[in-house]
Amino acid sequence: MKKLLLFLTIYASLLSCNDNNKKPVGDDTTQKQEAAPGFFPVTSYLKGQVAEIKSIGINPLKFVTIKNIKDSVWLKPEEFDSAFAEFLRPEIDSITMADFFSESKFFDQTLNTYTFTYEPKKTLPATMQIKRWDVYVDPETNTVKRVYIEKYAAAQKEMQLTWQARKNCRIVFIATDASGNQTIEREEFIKWNFDEE
């Protein structure tokens, strides 16, 4: 009788171990999460950078160039969000972009960075504003050095953002004519780190 109880106890233990490893039929959410690419959350990163600018208590200086005419203005704290708004939507992350973009990565010896490039893997829908983007990571500190985004604006127009981590950003507005020629209509350079040139 004791042998029978011991056998039943061992058998029940083995069955319970196997059941813990099984997934319910039709429940593939874990598999989908594992298969989803881990894109760098660019929008969250930029929002964090904007919050950091607000917290340092220094007003950024914005230089605007339109057809060789230059002007500058200090940004007020209430203008920070609107100054960067065009690149805070749509959300750039794995959830919203994985169906449309693929990631490639390589080590760029010239720039001494790991470069993560995100390009369309199929024809983008007409409503998709993001064209492509790159994230540059410092291999020694494992921190983002720069983010570059190309985005469609109004008809025949494009915007490009180059964001230097904790330093500055450049926004370029480009128009394309009927012949396909591109011209820079406007350029904004916003600087908030005045310790470095």
N, C-alpha and C. Protein backbone atom coordinates (compact mmCIF):
# COMPACT_ATOMS: atom_id res chain seq x y z
N MET A 1 0.82 -1.20 0.00
CA MET A 1 0.00 0.00 0.00
C MET A 1 0.87 1.27 0.00
N LYS A 2 1.94 1.26 0.80
CA LYS A 2 2.84 2.41 0.84
C LYS A 2 3.48 2.64 -0.52
N LYS A 3 3.84 1.53 -1.21
CA LYS A 3 4.46 1.66 -2.54
C LYS A 3 3.46 2.28 -3.52
N LEU A 4 2.20 1.88 -3.41
CA LEU A 4 1.17 2.40 -4.29
C LEU A 4 0.99 3.92 -4.05
N LEU A 5 0.95 4.35 -2.77
CA LEU A 5 0.82 5.76 -2.45
C LEU A 5 2.02 6.56 -2.95
N LEU A 6 3.22 5.99 -2.76
CA LEU A 6 4.44 6.65 -3.25
C LEU A 6 4.39 6.80 -4.77
N PHE A 7 3.98 5.74 -5.47
CA PHE A 7 3.89 5.77 -6.92
C PHE A 7 2.88 6.84 -7.37
N LEU A 8 1.70 6.89 -6.72
CA LEU A 8 0.67 7.87 -7.09
C LEU A 8 1.15 9.30 -6.82
N THR A 9 1.89 9.52 -5.75
CA THR A 9 2.41 10.84 -5.44
C THR A 9 3.42 11.30 -6.49
N ILE A 10 4.33 10.40 -6.86
CA ILE A 10 5.34 10.73 -7.89
C ILE A 10 4.65 11.00 -9.22
N TYR A 11 3.68 10.15 -9.58
CA TYR A 11 2.96 10.31 -10.84
C TYR A 11 2.21 11.65 -10.88
N ALA A 12 1.55 12.00 -9.78
CA ALA A 12 0.82 13.28 -9.72
C ALA A 12 1.79 14.46 -9.83
N SER A 13 2.97 14.35 -9.21
CA SER A 13 3.97 15.41 -9.31
C SER A 13 4.44 15.59 -10.74
N LEU A 14 4.69 14.48 -11.42
CA LEU A 14 5.13 14.55 -12.81
C LEU A 14 4.07 15.18 -13.70
N LEU A 15 2.83 14.81 -13.47
CA LEU A 15 1.75 15.39 -14.27
C LEU A 15 1.63 16.90 -14.05
N SER A 16 1.76 17.34 -12.81
CA SER A 16 1.63 18.77 -12.53
C SER A 16 2.79 19.55 -13.14
N CYS A 17 3.99 18.96 -13.18
CA CYS A 17 5.13 19.64 -13.82
C CYS A 17 4.88 19.82 -15.30
N ASN A 18 4.37 18.78 -15.96
CA ASN A 18 4.11 18.87 -17.40
C ASN A 18 3.01 19.88 -17.70
N ASP A 19 2.00 19.97 -16.85
CA ASP A 19 0.91 20.92 -17.09
C ASP A 19 1.37 22.36 -16.99
N ASN A 20 2.38 22.64 -16.15
CA ASN A 20 2.89 24.00 -16.02
C ASN A 20 3.58 24.46 -17.29
N ASN A 21 4.15 23.52 -18.05
CA ASN A 21 4.87 23.88 -19.27
C ASN A 21 3.96 24.02 -20.47
N LYS A 22 2.71 23.51 -20.36
CA LYS A 22 1.78 23.59 -21.49
C LYS A 22 1.09 24.94 -21.50
N LYS A 23 0.85 25.43 -22.74
CA LYS A 23 0.08 26.65 -22.90
C LYS A 23 -1.32 26.26 -23.35
N PRO A 24 -2.32 26.98 -22.93
CA PRO A 24 -3.67 26.66 -23.38
C PRO A 24 -3.76 26.76 -24.90
N VAL A 25 -4.56 25.88 -25.49
CA VAL A 25 -4.73 25.87 -26.93
C VAL A 25 -5.37 27.19 -27.36
N GLY A 26 -4.84 27.78 -28.41
CA GLY A 26 -5.39 29.04 -28.91
C GLY A 26 -4.85 30.27 -28.20
N ASP A 27 -4.05 30.09 -27.17
CA ASP A 27 -3.49 31.25 -26.46
C ASP A 27 -2.06 31.47 -26.96
N ASP A 28 -1.92 32.26 -28.03
CA ASP A 28 -0.60 32.49 -28.60
C ASP A 28 -0.10 33.90 -28.33
N THR A 29 -0.64 34.57 -27.31
CA THR A 29 -0.22 35.94 -27.02
C THR A 29 1.24 36.00 -26.61
N THR A 30 1.70 35.02 -25.86
CA THR A 30 3.10 35.00 -25.45
C THR A 30 3.99 34.84 -26.67
N GLN A 31 3.59 33.96 -27.59
CA GLN A 31 4.39 33.76 -28.80
C GLN A 31 4.44 35.03 -29.63
N LYS A 32 3.33 35.74 -29.75
CA LYS A 32 3.31 36.98 -30.52
C LYS A 32 4.20 38.03 -29.88
N GLN A 33 4.17 38.13 -28.55
CA GLN A 33 5.00 39.10 -27.88
C GLN A 33 6.47 38.78 -28.08
N GLU A 34 6.81 37.50 -28.06
CA GLU A 34 8.20 37.11 -28.26
C GLU A 34 8.64 37.38 -29.69
N ALA A 35 7.72 37.23 -30.64
CA ALA A 35 8.06 37.39 -32.05
C ALA A 35 8.11 38.86 -32.47
N ALA A 36 7.44 39.74 -31.72
CA ALA A 36 7.40 41.16 -32.08
C ALA A 36 8.80 41.76 -31.94
N PRO A 37 9.23 42.54 -32.92
CA PRO A 37 10.56 43.16 -32.82
C PRO A 37 10.61 44.19 -31.71
N GLY A 38 11.78 44.39 -31.17
CA GLY A 38 11.95 45.35 -30.08
C GLY A 38 12.48 46.67 -30.59
N PHE A 39 11.67 47.40 -31.33
CA PHE A 39 12.10 48.70 -31.84
C PHE A 39 12.40 49.64 -30.68
N PHE A 40 13.38 50.51 -30.89
CA PHE A 40 13.68 51.52 -29.89
C PHE A 40 12.49 52.48 -29.81
N PRO A 41 11.97 52.78 -28.61
CA PRO A 41 10.79 53.65 -28.48
C PRO A 41 11.17 55.13 -28.67
N VAL A 42 11.28 55.54 -29.91
CA VAL A 42 11.77 56.88 -30.25
C VAL A 42 10.91 57.99 -29.65
N THR A 43 9.59 57.85 -29.77
CA THR A 43 8.71 58.91 -29.28
C THR A 43 8.84 59.07 -27.77
N SER A 44 8.88 57.97 -27.05
CA SER A 44 9.06 58.05 -25.59
C SER A 44 10.39 58.70 -25.25
N TYR A 45 11.41 58.36 -26.02
CA TYR A 45 12.73 58.95 -25.79
C TYR A 45 12.69 60.46 -26.00
N LEU A 46 12.08 60.92 -27.10
CA LEU A 46 12.00 62.35 -27.37
C LEU A 46 11.17 63.09 -26.32
N LYS A 47 10.09 62.48 -25.87
CA LYS A 47 9.28 63.10 -24.81
C LYS A 47 10.11 63.23 -23.53
N GLY A 48 10.93 62.22 -23.24
CA GLY A 48 11.81 62.29 -22.08
C GLY A 48 12.84 63.39 -22.21
N GLN A 49 13.37 63.57 -23.42
CA GLN A 49 14.33 64.64 -23.67
C GLN A 49 13.68 66.01 -23.49
N VAL A 50 12.44 66.17 -23.99
CA VAL A 50 11.72 67.44 -23.83
C VAL A 50 11.47 67.72 -22.34
N ALA A 51 11.10 66.68 -21.59
CA ALA A 51 10.88 66.85 -20.15
C ALA A 51 12.19 67.25 -19.46
N GLU A 52 13.30 66.70 -19.93
CA GLU A 52 14.60 67.05 -19.36
C GLU A 52 14.95 68.52 -19.65
N ILE A 53 14.63 68.99 -20.85
CA ILE A 53 14.87 70.40 -21.19
C ILE A 53 14.09 71.30 -20.24
N LYS A 54 12.83 70.94 -19.99
CA LYS A 54 12.00 71.73 -19.08
C LYS A 54 12.60 71.75 -17.67
N SER A 55 13.16 70.61 -17.26
CA SER A 55 13.65 70.49 -15.88
C SER A 55 14.97 71.22 -15.63
N ILE A 56 15.76 71.48 -16.67
CA ILE A 56 17.07 72.12 -16.43
C ILE A 56 16.94 73.63 -16.21
N GLY A 57 15.78 74.19 -16.54
CA GLY A 57 15.54 75.60 -16.26
C GLY A 57 16.24 76.57 -17.20
N ILE A 58 16.63 76.10 -18.38
CA ILE A 58 17.26 76.97 -19.37
C ILE A 58 16.34 77.04 -20.58
N ASN A 59 16.09 78.24 -21.07
CA ASN A 59 15.27 78.38 -22.27
C ASN A 59 16.13 78.11 -23.50
N PRO A 60 15.68 77.19 -24.36
CA PRO A 60 16.42 76.94 -25.60
C PRO A 60 16.38 78.16 -26.52
N LEU A 61 17.42 78.28 -27.32
CA LEU A 61 17.49 79.34 -28.33
C LEU A 61 17.17 78.72 -29.68
N LYS A 62 16.19 79.30 -30.37
CA LYS A 62 15.74 78.78 -31.65
C LYS A 62 16.19 79.72 -32.77
N PHE A 63 16.97 79.18 -33.70
CA PHE A 63 17.44 79.91 -34.88
C PHE A 63 16.58 79.46 -36.06
N VAL A 64 16.01 80.41 -36.77
CA VAL A 64 15.16 80.09 -37.92
C VAL A 64 15.79 80.69 -39.16
N THR A 65 15.91 79.86 -40.22
CA THR A 65 16.45 80.33 -41.50
C THR A 65 15.40 80.07 -42.57
N ILE A 66 14.96 81.14 -43.24
CA ILE A 66 14.03 81.03 -44.36
C ILE A 66 14.62 81.79 -45.54
N LYS A 67 14.98 81.06 -46.59
CA LYS A 67 15.57 81.66 -47.79
C LYS A 67 16.69 82.64 -47.45
N ASN A 68 17.67 82.17 -46.74
CA ASN A 68 18.87 82.93 -46.35
C ASN A 68 18.60 84.09 -45.39
N ILE A 69 17.39 84.20 -44.89
CA ILE A 69 17.10 85.22 -43.87
C ILE A 69 17.07 84.50 -42.52
N LYS A 70 17.91 84.95 -41.60
CA LYS A 70 18.04 84.29 -40.31
C LYS A 70 17.48 85.15 -39.20
N ASP A 71 16.88 84.46 -38.24
CA ASP A 71 16.34 85.13 -37.07
C ASP A 71 16.48 84.17 -35.89
N SER A 72 16.39 84.69 -34.68
CA SER A 72 16.47 83.83 -33.50
C SER A 72 15.51 84.33 -32.44
N VAL A 73 15.08 83.40 -31.59
CA VAL A 73 14.15 83.72 -30.53
C VAL A 73 14.37 82.72 -29.40
N TRP A 74 14.19 83.19 -28.16
CA TRP A 74 14.25 82.30 -27.01
C TRP A 74 12.91 81.60 -26.87
N LEU A 75 12.92 80.29 -26.69
CA LEU A 75 11.68 79.56 -26.49
C LEU A 75 11.24 79.66 -25.03
N LYS A 76 9.97 79.94 -24.83
CA LYS A 76 9.40 79.96 -23.48
C LYS A 76 9.01 78.54 -23.11
N PRO A 77 8.99 78.21 -21.81
CA PRO A 77 8.62 76.85 -21.39
C PRO A 77 7.29 76.37 -21.98
N GLU A 78 6.32 77.25 -22.10
CA GLU A 78 5.02 76.83 -22.64
C GLU A 78 5.07 76.54 -24.14
N GLU A 79 6.17 76.89 -24.80
CA GLU A 79 6.31 76.64 -26.24
C GLU A 79 7.09 75.35 -26.55
N PHE A 80 7.65 74.71 -25.53
CA PHE A 80 8.49 73.53 -25.76
C PHE A 80 7.73 72.44 -26.49
N ASP A 81 6.55 72.08 -25.99
CA ASP A 81 5.80 70.98 -26.59
C ASP A 81 5.45 71.26 -28.04
N SER A 82 5.00 72.49 -28.33
CA SER A 82 4.63 72.80 -29.71
C SER A 82 5.85 72.87 -30.64
N ALA A 83 7.01 73.23 -30.11
CA ALA A 83 8.22 73.32 -30.93
C ALA A 83 8.63 71.95 -31.47
N PHE A 84 8.35 70.91 -30.71
CA PHE A 84 8.76 69.56 -31.11
C PHE A 84 7.58 68.67 -31.48
N ALA A 85 6.37 69.21 -31.48
CA ALA A 85 5.14 68.42 -31.62
C ALA A 85 5.09 67.56 -32.87
N GLU A 86 5.58 68.08 -33.99
CA GLU A 86 5.49 67.34 -35.25
C GLU A 86 6.21 65.99 -35.20
N PHE A 87 7.18 65.86 -34.30
CA PHE A 87 7.94 64.61 -34.24
C PHE A 87 7.56 63.77 -33.01
N LEU A 88 6.52 64.18 -32.32
CA LEU A 88 6.02 63.39 -31.19
C LEU A 88 4.77 62.61 -31.57
N ARG A 89 4.37 62.70 -32.84
CA ARG A 89 3.26 61.91 -33.35
C ARG A 89 3.51 61.60 -34.81
N PRO A 90 3.12 60.47 -35.34
CA PRO A 90 2.56 59.35 -34.60
C PRO A 90 3.62 58.68 -33.73
N GLU A 91 3.19 57.83 -32.85
CA GLU A 91 4.07 57.13 -31.92
C GLU A 91 5.00 56.20 -32.69
N ILE A 92 6.29 56.35 -32.43
CA ILE A 92 7.28 55.45 -33.06
C ILE A 92 7.73 54.45 -32.00
N ASP A 93 7.22 53.24 -32.13
CA ASP A 93 7.59 52.14 -31.24
C ASP A 93 7.23 50.82 -31.94
N SER A 94 7.49 49.70 -31.28
CA SER A 94 7.23 48.39 -31.89
C SER A 94 5.76 48.17 -32.18
N ILE A 95 4.90 48.61 -31.27
CA ILE A 95 3.47 48.32 -31.41
C ILE A 95 2.89 48.97 -32.66
N THR A 96 3.22 50.23 -32.91
CA THR A 96 2.61 50.95 -34.03
C THR A 96 3.37 50.79 -35.35
N MET A 97 4.65 50.48 -35.29
CA MET A 97 5.46 50.50 -36.52
C MET A 97 5.97 49.14 -37.01
N ALA A 98 5.85 48.10 -36.22
CA ALA A 98 6.44 46.80 -36.59
C ALA A 98 5.83 46.21 -37.85
N ASP A 99 4.55 46.50 -38.12
CA ASP A 99 3.92 45.97 -39.32
C ASP A 99 4.41 46.64 -40.60
N PHE A 100 4.99 47.82 -40.47
CA PHE A 100 5.35 48.60 -41.65
C PHE A 100 6.86 48.74 -41.87
N PHE A 101 7.65 48.64 -40.78
CA PHE A 101 9.08 48.91 -40.87
C PHE A 101 9.90 47.72 -40.38
N SER A 102 11.08 47.61 -40.94
CA SER A 102 12.02 46.59 -40.47
C SER A 102 13.27 47.28 -39.93
N GLU A 103 13.92 46.60 -39.01
CA GLU A 103 15.10 47.16 -38.36
C GLU A 103 16.36 46.47 -38.87
N SER A 104 17.37 47.27 -39.17
CA SER A 104 18.69 46.71 -39.46
C SER A 104 19.69 47.44 -38.57
N LYS A 105 20.75 46.76 -38.18
CA LYS A 105 21.73 47.40 -37.29
C LYS A 105 23.13 47.04 -37.72
N PHE A 106 24.03 47.98 -37.50
CA PHE A 106 25.43 47.75 -37.81
C PHE A 106 26.29 48.70 -36.99
N PHE A 107 27.56 48.36 -36.88
CA PHE A 107 28.49 49.23 -36.16
C PHE A 107 29.18 50.12 -37.17
N ASP A 108 29.01 51.41 -37.03
CA ASP A 108 29.62 52.40 -37.92
C ASP A 108 30.94 52.86 -37.30
N GLN A 109 32.04 52.40 -37.85
CA GLN A 109 33.35 52.74 -37.31
C GLN A 109 33.67 54.22 -37.48
N THR A 110 33.19 54.82 -38.56
CA THR A 110 33.45 56.23 -38.81
C THR A 110 32.84 57.10 -37.70
N LEU A 111 31.62 56.80 -37.32
CA LEU A 111 30.93 57.57 -36.29
C LEU A 111 31.11 56.99 -34.89
N ASN A 112 31.71 55.80 -34.82
CA ASN A 112 31.85 55.06 -33.56
C ASN A 112 30.50 54.93 -32.86
N THR A 113 29.51 54.42 -33.61
CA THR A 113 28.17 54.21 -33.07
C THR A 113 27.58 52.92 -33.62
N TYR A 114 26.68 52.37 -32.84
CA TYR A 114 25.80 51.33 -33.37
C TYR A 114 24.65 52.09 -34.01
N THR A 115 24.38 51.80 -35.27
CA THR A 115 23.32 52.49 -35.99
C THR A 115 22.16 51.52 -36.21
N PHE A 116 20.99 51.92 -35.76
CA PHE A 116 19.77 51.15 -35.96
C PHE A 116 18.94 51.90 -36.99
N THR A 117 18.73 51.28 -38.15
CA THR A 117 18.01 51.91 -39.25
C THR A 117 16.65 51.23 -39.41
N TYR A 118 15.62 52.05 -39.55
CA TYR A 118 14.26 51.54 -39.70
C TYR A 118 13.71 52.04 -41.03
N GLU A 119 13.46 51.09 -41.94
CA GLU A 119 12.98 51.44 -43.28
C GLU A 119 11.72 50.64 -43.59
N PRO A 120 10.90 51.17 -44.51
CA PRO A 120 9.65 50.45 -44.84
C PRO A 120 9.94 49.06 -45.39
N LYS A 121 9.15 48.09 -44.95
CA LYS A 121 9.32 46.74 -45.49
C LYS A 121 8.27 46.45 -46.56
N LYS A 122 7.37 47.40 -46.76
CA LYS A 122 6.36 47.29 -47.83
C LYS A 122 5.89 48.71 -48.14
N THR A 123 5.04 48.82 -49.14
CA THR A 123 4.49 50.13 -49.49
C THR A 123 3.68 50.66 -48.31
N LEU A 124 4.01 51.87 -47.91
CA LEU A 124 3.33 52.45 -46.75
C LEU A 124 1.95 52.98 -47.13
N PRO A 125 0.99 52.88 -46.21
CA PRO A 125 -0.33 53.46 -46.50
C PRO A 125 -0.23 54.98 -46.64
N ALA A 126 -1.16 55.55 -47.36
CA ALA A 126 -1.14 57.00 -47.60
C ALA A 126 -1.23 57.80 -46.32
N THR A 127 -1.79 57.20 -45.28
CA THR A 127 -1.94 57.91 -44.01
C THR A 127 -0.67 57.87 -43.16
N MET A 128 0.31 57.06 -43.54
CA MET A 128 1.53 56.94 -42.74
C MET A 128 2.40 58.17 -42.96
N GLN A 129 2.68 58.90 -41.91
CA GLN A 129 3.49 60.12 -42.01
C GLN A 129 4.98 59.84 -41.91
N ILE A 130 5.35 58.84 -41.16
CA ILE A 130 6.77 58.53 -40.96
C ILE A 130 7.32 57.85 -42.20
N LYS A 131 8.44 58.32 -42.67
CA LYS A 131 9.07 57.78 -43.87
C LYS A 131 10.17 56.78 -43.50
N ARG A 132 11.00 57.14 -42.55
CA ARG A 132 12.09 56.27 -42.05
C ARG A 132 12.73 56.96 -40.87
N TRP A 133 13.58 56.22 -40.11
CA TRP A 133 14.31 56.82 -39.00
C TRP A 133 15.53 56.00 -38.63
N ASP A 134 16.47 56.67 -37.95
CA ASP A 134 17.71 56.03 -37.49
C ASP A 134 17.94 56.40 -36.03
N VAL A 135 18.53 55.48 -35.30
CA VAL A 135 18.93 55.73 -33.91
C VAL A 135 20.40 55.37 -33.80
N TYR A 136 21.20 56.30 -33.25
CA TYR A 136 22.65 56.10 -33.12
C TYR A 136 22.98 55.94 -31.64
N VAL A 137 23.64 54.83 -31.30
CA VAL A 137 23.92 54.51 -29.90
C VAL A 137 25.43 54.46 -29.66
N ASP A 138 25.87 55.08 -28.59
CA ASP A 138 27.28 55.07 -28.19
C ASP A 138 27.62 53.68 -27.66
N PRO A 139 28.60 52.99 -28.26
CA PRO A 139 28.92 51.62 -27.83
C PRO A 139 29.56 51.55 -26.44
N GLU A 140 30.17 52.63 -26.00
CA GLU A 140 30.83 52.61 -24.69
C GLU A 140 29.86 52.87 -23.54
N THR A 141 28.95 53.82 -23.73
CA THR A 141 28.01 54.17 -22.66
C THR A 141 26.65 53.51 -22.85
N ASN A 142 26.42 52.95 -24.04
CA ASN A 142 25.14 52.32 -24.37
C ASN A 142 23.98 53.31 -24.25
N THR A 143 24.24 54.57 -24.61
CA THR A 143 23.20 55.60 -24.59
C THR A 143 23.00 56.16 -26.00
N VAL A 144 21.84 56.72 -26.22
CA VAL A 144 21.52 57.30 -27.54
C VAL A 144 22.31 58.59 -27.73
N LYS A 145 23.00 58.67 -28.86
CA LYS A 145 23.73 59.89 -29.21
C LYS A 145 22.89 60.80 -30.10
N ARG A 146 22.15 60.16 -31.02
CA ARG A 146 21.43 60.95 -32.01
C ARG A 146 20.23 60.16 -32.53
N VAL A 147 19.19 60.89 -32.91
CA VAL A 147 18.02 60.31 -33.57
C VAL A 147 17.77 61.12 -34.84
N TYR A 148 17.49 60.43 -35.92
CA TYR A 148 17.19 61.09 -37.19
C TYR A 148 15.85 60.54 -37.69
N ILE A 149 14.93 61.43 -38.06
CA ILE A 149 13.61 61.02 -38.54
C ILE A 149 13.27 61.77 -39.82
N GLU A 150 12.74 61.04 -40.80
CA GLU A 150 12.18 61.65 -42.00
C GLU A 150 10.68 61.43 -41.96
N LYS A 151 9.94 62.51 -42.22
CA LYS A 151 8.49 62.45 -42.09
C LYS A 151 7.83 63.23 -43.22
N TYR A 152 6.70 62.71 -43.73
CA TYR A 152 5.93 63.45 -44.72
C TYR A 152 5.14 64.53 -44.02
N ALA A 153 5.06 65.69 -44.63
CA ALA A 153 4.23 66.78 -44.10
C ALA A 153 3.06 66.97 -45.06
N ALA A 154 2.76 68.20 -45.39
CA ALA A 154 1.68 68.48 -46.34
C ALA A 154 2.09 67.95 -47.72
N ALA A 155 1.19 68.10 -48.69
CA ALA A 155 1.44 67.59 -50.05
C ALA A 155 2.78 68.09 -50.58
N GLN A 156 3.55 67.14 -51.09
CA GLN A 156 4.86 67.44 -51.69
C GLN A 156 5.85 68.07 -50.71
N LYS A 157 5.66 67.83 -49.41
CA LYS A 157 6.59 68.38 -48.43
C LYS A 157 7.07 67.28 -47.50
N GLU A 158 8.22 67.54 -46.93
CA GLU A 158 8.85 66.57 -46.05
C GLU A 158 9.54 67.32 -44.91
N MET A 159 9.65 66.67 -43.76
CA MET A 159 10.37 67.24 -42.64
C MET A 159 11.44 66.25 -42.19
N GLN A 160 12.55 66.76 -41.76
CA GLN A 160 13.63 65.93 -41.24
C GLN A 160 14.06 66.47 -39.88
N LEU A 161 14.21 65.57 -38.94
CA LEU A 161 14.66 65.94 -37.60
C LEU A 161 15.98 65.24 -37.31
N THR A 162 16.96 66.00 -36.86
CA THR A 162 18.20 65.44 -36.34
C THR A 162 18.31 65.90 -34.89
N TRP A 163 18.19 64.95 -33.96
CA TRP A 163 18.17 65.25 -32.52
C TRP A 163 19.48 64.79 -31.90
N GLN A 164 20.28 65.72 -31.43
CA GLN A 164 21.52 65.41 -30.73
C GLN A 164 21.20 65.33 -29.24
N ALA A 165 21.39 64.18 -28.66
CA ALA A 165 21.00 63.96 -27.27
C ALA A 165 21.59 65.01 -26.33
N ARG A 166 20.71 65.62 -25.56
CA ARG A 166 21.05 66.60 -24.52
C ARG A 166 21.80 67.84 -25.04
N LYS A 167 21.67 68.13 -26.34
CA LYS A 167 22.40 69.27 -26.91
C LYS A 167 21.51 70.19 -27.72
N ASN A 168 21.00 69.65 -28.86
CA ASN A 168 20.27 70.48 -29.80
C ASN A 168 19.49 69.61 -30.77
N CYS A 169 18.71 70.27 -31.62
CA CYS A 169 18.06 69.56 -32.72
C CYS A 169 17.94 70.49 -33.91
N ARG A 170 17.85 69.88 -35.07
CA ARG A 170 17.68 70.62 -36.32
C ARG A 170 16.46 70.04 -37.03
N ILE A 171 15.55 70.93 -37.42
CA ILE A 171 14.36 70.53 -38.17
C ILE A 171 14.42 71.22 -39.53
N VAL A 172 14.36 70.42 -40.58
CA VAL A 172 14.45 70.94 -41.95
C VAL A 172 13.13 70.66 -42.66
N PHE A 173 12.57 71.68 -43.28
CA PHE A 173 11.33 71.57 -44.04
C PHE A 173 11.69 71.61 -45.52
N ILE A 174 11.33 70.57 -46.27
CA ILE A 174 11.73 70.42 -47.67
C ILE A 174 10.50 70.35 -48.56
N ALA A 175 10.51 71.09 -49.65
CA ALA A 175 9.42 71.05 -50.64
C ALA A 175 9.94 70.39 -51.91
N THR A 176 9.04 69.65 -52.57
CA THR A 176 9.37 68.99 -53.83
C THR A 176 8.48 69.56 -54.92
N ASP A 177 9.08 70.02 -56.03
CA ASP A 177 8.26 70.58 -57.11
C ASP A 177 7.80 69.47 -58.05
N ALA A 178 7.07 69.83 -59.08
CA ALA A 178 6.49 68.86 -60.02
C ALA A 178 7.55 68.04 -60.73
N SER A 179 8.76 68.60 -60.88
CA SER A 179 9.85 67.88 -61.56
C SER A 179 10.61 66.96 -60.60
N GLY A 180 10.26 67.00 -59.33
CA GLY A 180 10.95 66.16 -58.36
C GLY A 180 12.14 66.83 -57.70
N ASN A 181 12.36 68.10 -58.03
CA ASN A 181 13.47 68.83 -57.41
C ASN A 181 13.09 69.25 -55.99
N GLN A 182 14.03 69.11 -55.08
CA GLN A 182 13.77 69.46 -53.68
C GLN A 182 14.49 70.74 -53.29
N THR A 183 13.81 71.55 -52.50
CA THR A 183 14.42 72.78 -51.98
C THR A 183 14.10 72.90 -50.49
N ILE A 184 15.04 73.44 -49.75
CA ILE A 184 14.81 73.67 -48.32
C ILE A 184 14.03 74.97 -48.17
N GLU A 185 12.84 74.86 -47.62
CA GLU A 185 11.99 76.04 -47.42
C GLU A 185 12.31 76.75 -46.11
N ARG A 186 12.64 75.95 -45.10
CA ARG A 186 12.81 76.51 -43.76
C ARG A 186 13.70 75.56 -42.96
N GLU A 187 14.48 76.14 -42.07
CA GLU A 187 15.32 75.34 -41.19
C GLU A 187 15.26 75.93 -39.79
N GLU A 188 15.08 75.06 -38.81
CA GLU A 188 15.06 75.49 -37.41
C GLU A 188 16.16 74.75 -36.67
N PHE A 189 16.96 75.49 -35.95
CA PHE A 189 18.00 74.90 -35.11
C PHE A 189 17.71 75.34 -33.68
N ILE A 190 17.45 74.36 -32.80
CA ILE A 190 17.09 74.66 -31.42
C ILE A 190 18.19 74.12 -30.52
N LYS A 191 18.75 75.01 -29.71
CA LYS A 191 19.90 74.65 -28.87
C LYS A 191 19.56 74.89 -27.41
N TRP A 192 19.85 73.90 -26.56
CA TRP A 192 19.60 74.06 -25.12
C TRP A 192 20.83 73.73 -24.28
N ASN A 193 21.88 73.22 -24.88
CA ASN A 193 23.13 72.99 -24.17
C ASN A 193 24.12 74.04 -24.65
N PHE A 194 24.44 74.99 -23.80
CA PHE A 194 25.33 76.08 -24.19
C PHE A 194 26.75 75.87 -23.69
N ASP A 195 27.01 74.70 -23.09
CA ASP A 195 28.36 74.37 -22.62
C ASP A 195 29.24 73.84 -23.73
N GLU A 196 28.59 73.28 -24.80
CA GLU A 196 29.34 72.69 -25.90
C GLU A 196 29.01 73.42 -27.18
N GLU A 197 29.98 73.48 -28.06
CA GLU A 197 29.76 74.10 -29.37
C GLU A 197 29.36 73.02 -30.35
